[in-house]
Amino acid sequence: MRALGVFWALVTVLALAACGGGPGTVTAASTPHPTPTPQPTPAPAPSASPSPAPTHRTLPEPGNPAGTAAVPAAAQPVDTAHPTHVIGDGTPASCTSAAVVAAVAAGGIITFSCGPDPVTIVMQATAKVENTSAEVVLDGGGKVTLSGGGSRRILYLDTCDPAQHWTTSHCQDQAEPRLVVQNLAFTEGNSTGQTYEGGGGGAIFDRGGRLKVINSWFTSNRCDPTGPDLGGAAIRALSQFDNLPVYIVHSTFRGGVCSNGGALSSIGVSWTVLNSVIAANQAVGWGANPASSGTPGGGSGAAIYTDGDLYTLTVDGTVIKNNTAREGGGAIFFVSNDNTGTLRIDDSTLRDNPSQGFETAGYPGIFFHSTGHPAVAGSALS
């Protein structure tokens, strides 16, 4: 086999009425002072009632709020206080697909100014990272959704794609570009028919460099419905630098459909999935891998599909539920061909992930092939 709201309050300063009566009367020195007529003390003016502070809606909070996995420094969000590029001028109409494509191609730290409320940008073309960029950071501020409109992949990086420029002689193992996605949503991405590099990655395809995803949402993404070793309706990852892991932190994956890997898929790539939720995804291919005679192959790893040799998969503080695989691994399909790979599940819940074809005895929802057994601690599998 080869194989989230954020609310801010506008502080209202109450204007206090100025104290004191009307202007005083100045009398000439030779004029006797009149006896003053007592004046009633004016009633104090009522204080103005504060106007309700406006609220600015955000997308729902992603990830598993009950997750307690420690997040290492390498998996923390990038500081985007001083962006290289800002998409939009404060109005929803200014946040366009073309602006996203241009900013991603230019690289650097990218933020959005699309107004106070959530906005969905329907992509008219896939945003592609140029391999001359050292870093591309997309931060949606919890208000931006990028949509593939059900017809295209949303975001693409491939260090071995000459159309995006070769920058090293070892494109399959280079440190840059580093692609970071945070506080952003992806929906209705679709890479069906994208066969270059084996396809997959309806929302994000990443080969080479480094990828991390933080505080983000993935919903209703798609890739090809059949095939023995393609996958990743949300994310497909290949050839990460120095086999360092793809970090998935405090993120949510729902409703993805692909031959394999209804959420995440890779070959030879390590993953660390922290405090996240992966739910209601499907692996719909059939015939497994290698494909059984007379079948197109696929159907495994409804939440996570991984294949390769020496790699690791760590799931910590994460909920994986209600995913369905037509073949093996309703939650996780993990195959290390040379038996050197390791699977670890800590403080997580895996439940109701049917494997309609096969799974490893004693590990509901998991198909595991490597030396020994998955390392499971503080977790519930059912």
Protein backbone atom coordinates (compact mmCIF):
# COMPACT_ATOMS: atom_id res chain seq x y z
CA MET A 1 0.00 0.00 0.00
CA ARG A 2 1.16 3.50 -0.83
CA ALA A 3 0.06 4.84 -0.26
CA LEU A 4 -14.34 30.25 16.55
CA GLY A 5 -17.85 33.87 19.54
CA VAL A 6 -15.26 36.47 19.48
CA PHE A 7 -17.16 39.36 20.89
CA TRP A 8 -15.85 42.86 21.66
CA ALA A 9 -17.79 45.54 23.47
CA LEU A 10 -17.74 49.22 22.52
CA VAL A 11 -17.41 51.09 25.77
CA THR A 12 -20.04 53.82 25.94
CA VAL A 13 -18.90 56.98 27.78
CA LEU A 14 -21.82 58.53 29.59
CA ALA A 15 -21.96 62.30 29.14
CA LEU A 16 -22.61 63.88 32.51
CA ALA A 17 -24.70 67.03 32.61
CA ALA A 18 -22.66 70.17 33.52
CA CYS A 19 -23.26 71.33 37.10
CA GLY A 20 -24.30 74.93 38.16
CA GLY A 21 -27.24 77.33 37.68
CA GLY A 22 -27.68 80.19 35.22
CA PRO A 23 -25.20 83.07 34.87
CA GLY A 24 -24.71 85.30 38.01
CA THR A 25 -26.08 88.95 38.13
CA VAL A 26 -23.42 91.71 38.45
CA THR A 27 -24.77 94.84 40.36
CA ALA A 28 -23.22 98.34 40.49
CA ALA A 29 -21.62 99.22 43.84
CA SER A 30 -24.10 102.14 44.52
CA THR A 31 -27.07 99.89 43.94
CA PRO A 32 -28.46 98.25 47.03
CA HIS A 33 -28.40 94.53 46.83
CA PRO A 34 -31.86 93.15 46.30
CA THR A 35 -33.16 90.53 48.61
CA PRO A 36 -32.68 87.35 46.73
CA THR A 37 -35.72 85.31 46.01
CA PRO A 38 -35.04 81.74 46.93
CA GLN A 39 -34.93 79.56 43.89
CA PRO A 40 -35.81 75.93 43.95
CA THR A 41 -32.97 73.58 43.42
CA PRO A 42 -33.33 72.22 39.93
CA ALA A 43 -33.94 68.53 39.70
CA PRO A 44 -30.95 66.71 38.34
CA ALA A 45 -31.21 65.82 34.72
CA PRO A 46 -31.74 62.13 34.25
CA SER A 47 -28.68 60.20 33.23
CA ALA A 48 -28.67 59.04 29.68
CA SER A 49 -29.28 55.33 29.32
CA PRO A 50 -26.37 53.63 27.63
CA SER A 51 -27.07 52.39 24.14
CA PRO A 52 -26.73 48.65 23.73
CA ALA A 53 -23.18 47.84 22.77
CA PRO A 54 -23.11 46.44 19.23
CA THR A 55 -21.98 42.90 18.89
CA HIS A 56 -20.08 41.55 15.96
CA ARG A 57 -20.93 38.02 15.06
CA THR A 58 -18.31 35.40 14.53
CA LEU A 59 -18.28 31.83 13.41
CA PRO A 60 -18.97 29.17 16.03
CA GLU A 61 -16.07 28.06 18.19
CA PRO A 62 -14.24 25.18 16.52
CA GLY A 63 -12.59 22.20 18.09
CA ASN A 64 -13.16 20.35 21.32
CA PRO A 65 -13.62 22.83 24.21
CA ALA A 66 -13.09 20.00 26.68
CA GLY A 67 -9.78 19.00 25.13
CA THR A 68 -6.86 19.25 27.51
CA ALA A 69 -3.95 18.36 25.25
CA ALA A 70 -0.93 20.62 25.70
CA VAL A 71 -0.18 22.58 22.52
CA PRO A 72 3.56 22.79 21.77
CA ALA A 73 5.23 26.02 20.70
CA ALA A 74 5.47 24.82 17.11
CA ALA A 75 1.69 24.44 16.96
CA GLN A 76 0.76 27.85 18.40
CA PRO A 77 -0.96 30.51 16.24
CA VAL A 78 1.14 32.98 14.29
CA ASP A 79 1.02 36.63 15.42
CA THR A 80 -0.82 38.47 12.63
CA ALA A 81 -0.94 41.94 14.23
CA HIS A 82 1.26 43.33 11.45
CA PRO A 83 0.07 41.68 8.23
CA THR A 84 1.84 41.80 4.93
CA HIS A 85 -1.46 41.92 3.05
CA VAL A 86 -5.02 42.80 4.11
CA ILE A 87 -7.80 41.48 1.92
CA GLY A 88 -10.73 43.94 1.77
CA ASP A 89 -11.42 47.56 2.71
CA GLY A 90 -13.92 46.91 5.49
CA THR A 91 -16.84 45.85 3.30
CA PRO A 92 -17.97 42.36 2.34
CA ALA A 93 -17.94 43.22 -1.38
CA SER A 94 -14.25 44.07 -1.24
CA CYS A 95 -13.34 40.55 -0.13
CA THR A 96 -13.13 38.67 -3.38
CA SER A 97 -11.78 35.45 -4.74
CA ALA A 98 -9.31 37.36 -6.91
CA ALA A 99 -7.96 39.18 -3.85
CA VAL A 100 -7.43 35.90 -2.03
CA VAL A 101 -5.68 34.32 -5.00
CA ALA A 102 -3.36 37.33 -5.42
CA ALA A 103 -2.51 37.54 -1.72
CA VAL A 104 -1.71 33.83 -1.45
CA ALA A 105 0.50 34.02 -4.52
CA ALA A 106 2.34 37.04 -3.05
CA GLY A 107 2.86 35.28 0.28
CA GLY A 108 3.46 36.61 3.77
CA ILE A 109 0.94 37.20 6.56
CA ILE A 110 -2.58 37.67 5.20
CA THR A 111 -5.59 38.98 7.14
CA PHE A 112 -9.08 40.10 6.14
CA SER A 113 -11.11 43.33 6.53
CA CYS A 114 -14.57 42.40 5.31
CA GLY A 115 -16.81 44.21 7.82
CA PRO A 116 -18.10 43.31 11.28
CA ASP A 117 -20.02 40.18 10.38
CA PRO A 118 -19.08 36.81 8.96
CA VAL A 119 -18.55 36.65 5.22
CA THR A 120 -18.25 33.81 2.73
CA ILE A 121 -15.93 34.23 -0.23
CA VAL A 122 -16.80 31.88 -3.06
CA MET A 123 -13.57 31.07 -4.81
CA GLN A 124 -13.56 31.37 -8.59
CA ALA A 125 -10.09 29.85 -8.77
CA THR A 126 -7.86 27.85 -6.47
CA ALA A 127 -5.50 29.97 -4.37
CA LYS A 128 -1.99 28.63 -5.02
CA VAL A 129 1.14 29.17 -2.97
CA GLU A 130 4.26 30.16 -4.88
CA ASN A 131 7.21 28.12 -3.69
CA THR A 132 9.34 31.26 -3.56
CA SER A 133 7.41 32.30 -0.44
CA ALA A 134 9.01 31.48 2.87
CA GLU A 135 5.68 31.63 4.69
CA VAL A 136 2.02 32.02 3.87
CA VAL A 137 -0.30 32.68 6.82
CA LEU A 138 -4.04 33.01 6.29
CA ASP A 139 -5.93 34.36 9.32
CA GLY A 140 -9.69 34.79 8.91
CA GLY A 141 -10.23 36.35 12.32
CA GLY A 142 -13.03 33.89 13.01
CA LYS A 143 -15.29 35.60 10.45
CA VAL A 144 -14.20 34.42 7.02
CA THR A 145 -15.26 31.32 5.14
CA LEU A 146 -13.62 30.31 1.89
CA SER A 147 -15.94 28.23 -0.27
CA GLY A 148 -15.07 26.09 -3.23
CA GLY A 149 -18.67 26.38 -4.39
CA GLY A 150 -18.76 22.62 -4.65
CA SER A 151 -16.66 22.72 -7.80
CA ARG A 152 -13.02 23.45 -6.98
CA ARG A 153 -10.19 22.93 -4.55
CA ILE A 154 -9.67 25.99 -2.33
CA LEU A 155 -5.97 26.13 -1.36
CA TYR A 156 -2.94 24.45 -2.91
CA LEU A 157 0.78 24.10 -2.13
CA ASP A 158 3.13 21.74 -3.94
CA THR A 159 6.88 22.25 -3.75
CA CYS A 160 7.32 19.72 -6.56
CA ASP A 161 4.95 21.45 -8.99
CA PRO A 162 7.09 23.27 -11.57
CA ALA A 163 4.19 25.61 -12.31
CA GLN A 164 4.64 27.01 -8.79
CA HIS A 165 8.45 27.18 -9.24
CA TRP A 166 11.05 24.72 -8.08
CA THR A 167 13.25 26.31 -5.44
CA THR A 168 15.42 23.35 -4.42
CA SER A 169 16.74 20.16 -5.91
CA HIS A 170 14.97 18.22 -3.15
CA CYS A 171 11.41 19.45 -3.54
CA GLN A 172 10.03 16.48 -1.66
CA ASP A 173 11.89 17.49 1.52
CA GLN A 174 12.30 21.25 1.89
CA ALA A 175 11.56 23.51 4.86
CA GLU A 176 9.61 26.18 2.98
CA PRO A 177 7.03 27.40 2.22
CA ARG A 178 5.41 27.15 5.63
CA LEU A 179 1.63 27.25 5.22
CA VAL A 180 -0.44 28.27 8.26
CA VAL A 181 -4.22 28.42 8.29
CA GLN A 182 -5.87 29.88 11.40
CA ASN A 183 -9.27 31.23 12.47
CA LEU A 184 -10.66 30.41 9.04
CA ALA A 185 -13.38 28.20 7.61
CA PHE A 186 -13.37 26.07 4.48
CA THR A 187 -16.54 24.72 2.94
CA GLU A 188 -17.62 22.94 -0.22
CA GLY A 189 -14.12 22.46 -1.55
CA ASN A 190 -13.97 19.79 -4.21
CA SER A 191 -10.90 18.28 -5.83
CA THR A 192 -12.76 15.62 -7.80
CA GLY A 193 -10.92 15.01 -11.05
CA GLN A 194 -7.68 16.63 -9.87
CA THR A 195 -5.33 13.77 -10.60
CA TYR A 196 -1.96 15.55 -10.29
CA GLU A 197 0.01 14.08 -7.38
CA GLY A 198 -2.72 11.50 -6.90
CA GLY A 199 -5.58 13.86 -6.17
CA GLY A 200 -7.37 14.49 -2.90
CA GLY A 201 -7.44 17.59 -0.73
CA GLY A 202 -10.82 19.14 -1.48
CA ALA A 203 -10.13 22.12 0.79
CA ILE A 204 -6.34 22.02 1.12
CA PHE A 205 -3.69 20.09 -0.77
CA ASP A 206 -0.17 20.39 0.64
CA ARG A 207 2.91 18.63 -0.61
CA GLY A 208 6.21 19.79 0.85
CA GLY A 209 7.20 22.53 3.25
CA ARG A 210 5.20 22.59 6.46
CA LEU A 211 1.49 22.79 7.17
CA LYS A 212 -0.40 23.64 10.34
CA VAL A 213 -4.10 24.32 10.90
CA ILE A 214 -5.35 26.14 14.02
CA ASN A 215 -8.82 27.16 15.23
CA SER A 216 -10.42 26.39 11.88
CA TRP A 217 -13.52 24.72 10.43
CA PHE A 218 -13.92 22.33 7.53
CA THR A 219 -17.42 21.41 6.37
CA SER A 220 -18.88 19.58 3.40
CA ASN A 221 -15.69 19.14 1.41
CA ARG A 222 -15.23 16.48 -1.29
CA CYS A 223 -12.69 14.56 -3.29
CA ASP A 224 -12.91 11.65 -5.70
CA PRO A 225 -15.38 8.99 -4.56
CA THR A 226 -13.26 6.02 -5.60
CA GLY A 227 -9.61 5.05 -5.70
CA PRO A 228 -7.43 2.85 -3.52
CA ASP A 229 -4.99 5.35 -2.02
CA LEU A 230 -6.31 8.86 -2.67
CA GLY A 231 -8.15 10.80 -0.01
CA GLY A 232 -8.58 13.83 2.19
CA ALA A 233 -11.90 15.53 1.52
CA ALA A 234 -10.66 18.35 3.75
CA ILE A 235 -6.86 17.98 3.74
CA ARG A 236 -4.41 15.87 1.78
CA ALA A 237 -0.77 16.08 2.92
CA LEU A 238 2.36 14.63 1.34
CA SER A 239 6.12 15.00 1.87
CA GLN A 240 6.36 17.25 4.91
CA PHE A 241 9.83 18.61 5.70
CA ASP A 242 11.98 16.27 7.74
CA ASN A 243 8.89 14.18 8.49
CA LEU A 244 7.80 16.83 11.00
CA PRO A 245 4.11 16.51 11.75
CA VAL A 246 1.20 18.36 10.30
CA TYR A 247 -0.41 20.04 13.32
CA ILE A 248 -4.20 20.14 13.54
CA VAL A 249 -5.18 22.19 16.60
CA HIS A 250 -8.59 23.08 18.00
CA SER A 251 -10.30 22.55 14.66
CA THR A 252 -13.49 20.89 13.41
CA PHE A 253 -14.07 18.63 10.42
CA ARG A 254 -17.63 17.69 9.45
CA GLY A 255 -19.45 16.27 6.50
CA GLY A 256 -16.49 15.42 4.29
CA VAL A 257 -16.86 12.71 1.66
CA CYS A 258 -14.09 10.99 -0.27
CA SER A 259 -12.97 7.57 -1.36
CA ASN A 260 -10.70 7.46 1.69
CA GLY A 261 -10.08 9.98 4.45
CA GLY A 262 -13.33 11.92 4.76
CA ALA A 263 -11.38 14.52 6.76
CA LEU A 264 -7.62 13.93 6.68
CA SER A 265 -5.43 11.80 4.42
CA SER A 266 -1.73 11.32 3.74
CA ILE A 267 1.00 9.03 2.53
CA GLY A 268 4.17 8.92 4.58
CA VAL A 269 3.24 11.98 6.66
CA SER A 270 3.10 12.35 10.43
CA TRP A 271 0.15 14.08 12.11
CA THR A 272 -0.53 15.56 15.56
CA VAL A 273 -4.24 16.20 16.08
CA LEU A 274 -4.99 18.17 19.27
CA ASN A 275 -8.27 19.25 20.92
CA SER A 276 -10.25 18.83 17.73
CA VAL A 277 -13.53 17.31 16.54
CA ILE A 278 -13.85 15.03 13.50
CA ALA A 279 -17.47 14.03 12.96
CA ALA A 280 -19.90 12.73 10.35
CA ASN A 281 -17.39 12.17 7.56
CA GLN A 282 -17.51 9.29 5.10
CA ALA A 283 -15.10 7.07 3.19
CA VAL A 284 -17.26 5.91 0.28
CA GLY A 285 -14.92 4.01 -2.03
CA TRP A 286 -15.02 0.23 -2.12
CA GLY A 287 -12.55 -2.55 -2.58
CA ALA A 288 -9.99 -1.21 -0.07
CA ASN A 289 -6.25 -0.93 -0.87
CA PRO A 290 -4.95 -2.61 -2.88
CA ALA A 291 -8.22 -2.68 -4.73
CA SER A 292 -9.98 -6.01 -4.74
CA SER A 293 -10.53 -7.51 -8.15
CA GLY A 294 -13.37 -5.85 -9.98
CA THR A 295 -13.52 -2.81 -7.67
CA PRO A 296 -12.15 0.73 -7.96
CA GLY A 297 -10.66 0.58 -4.48
CA GLY A 298 -10.98 2.78 -1.42
CA GLY A 299 -13.51 3.08 1.37
CA SER A 300 -11.20 3.33 4.39
CA GLY A 301 -10.37 5.82 7.11
CA ALA A 302 -13.59 7.83 7.28
CA ALA A 303 -12.04 10.39 9.63
CA ILE A 304 -8.30 9.85 9.12
CA TYR A 305 -6.56 7.79 6.45
CA THR A 306 -2.79 7.34 6.71
CA ASP A 307 -0.39 5.09 4.82
CA GLY A 308 3.37 4.83 4.40
CA ASP A 309 6.38 3.53 6.30
CA LEU A 310 8.00 5.40 9.21
CA TYR A 311 5.49 7.99 10.38
CA THR A 312 3.43 8.79 13.47
CA LEU A 313 -0.18 9.69 14.19
CA THR A 314 -0.98 11.28 17.55
CA VAL A 315 -4.56 12.04 18.54
CA ASP A 316 -4.90 13.92 21.85
CA GLY A 317 -7.86 15.68 23.47
CA THR A 318 -9.94 14.95 20.39
CA VAL A 319 -13.42 13.62 19.67
CA ILE A 320 -13.88 11.39 16.62
CA LYS A 321 -17.50 10.33 16.21
CA ASN A 322 -20.18 9.25 13.77
CA ASN A 323 -17.85 8.69 10.85
CA THR A 324 -18.51 5.78 8.49
CA ALA A 325 -16.12 3.74 6.37
CA ARG A 326 -17.46 1.43 3.69
CA GLU A 327 -14.40 -0.73 4.17
CA GLY A 328 -11.96 -0.39 7.10
CA GLY A 329 -11.35 2.15 9.84
CA GLY A 330 -14.52 4.10 10.53
CA ALA A 331 -12.40 6.44 12.66
CA ILE A 332 -8.77 5.74 11.71
CA PHE A 333 -7.04 3.71 9.04
CA PHE A 334 -3.35 3.38 9.90
CA VAL A 335 -0.99 1.29 7.80
CA SER A 336 2.80 1.25 8.15
CA ASN A 337 4.08 -0.98 5.38
CA ASP A 338 7.45 -1.63 7.03
CA ASN A 339 5.94 -1.87 10.53
CA THR A 340 7.85 1.16 11.87
CA GLY A 341 4.90 3.56 12.26
CA THR A 342 3.25 4.39 15.58
CA LEU A 343 -0.32 5.35 16.49
CA ARG A 344 -1.03 7.02 19.85
CA ILE A 345 -4.44 8.05 21.21
CA ASP A 346 -4.52 10.07 24.47
CA ASP A 347 -7.43 11.54 26.43
CA SER A 348 -9.73 11.25 23.45
CA THR A 349 -13.13 9.81 22.61
CA LEU A 350 -13.73 7.64 19.58
CA ARG A 351 -17.32 6.44 19.32
CA ASP A 352 -19.89 5.32 16.79
CA ASN A 353 -17.46 5.04 13.89
CA PRO A 354 -18.61 1.93 12.02
CA SER A 355 -16.19 0.04 9.80
CA GLN A 356 -18.52 -1.76 7.47
CA GLY A 357 -15.80 -4.03 6.15
CA PHE A 358 -13.03 -4.66 8.66
CA GLU A 359 -11.20 -3.29 11.71
CA THR A 360 -8.66 -4.41 14.29
CA ALA A 361 -10.10 -6.55 17.05
CA GLY A 362 -10.34 -4.72 20.35
CA TYR A 363 -10.06 -1.26 18.77
CA PRO A 364 -13.50 -0.17 17.59
CA GLY A 365 -13.37 2.06 14.53
CA ILE A 366 -9.64 1.49 13.93
CA PHE A 367 -7.74 -0.55 11.41
CA PHE A 368 -4.08 -0.76 12.47
CA HIS A 369 -1.17 -2.40 10.69
CA SER A 370 2.26 -1.98 12.26
CA THR A 371 4.32 -3.59 14.99
CA GLY A 372 2.45 -4.17 18.24
CA HIS A 373 -0.70 -2.28 18.98
CA PRO A 374 -1.94 1.30 19.07
CA ALA A 375 -0.95 3.09 22.30
CA VAL A 376 -4.20 4.14 23.94
CA ALA A 377 -4.32 6.05 27.27
CA GLY A 378 -7.12 7.87 29.04
CA SER A 379 -9.38 7.36 26.06
CA ALA A 380 -12.76 5.78 25.34
CA LEU A 381 -13.19 3.66 22.23
CA SER A 382 -16.64 2.34 21.43
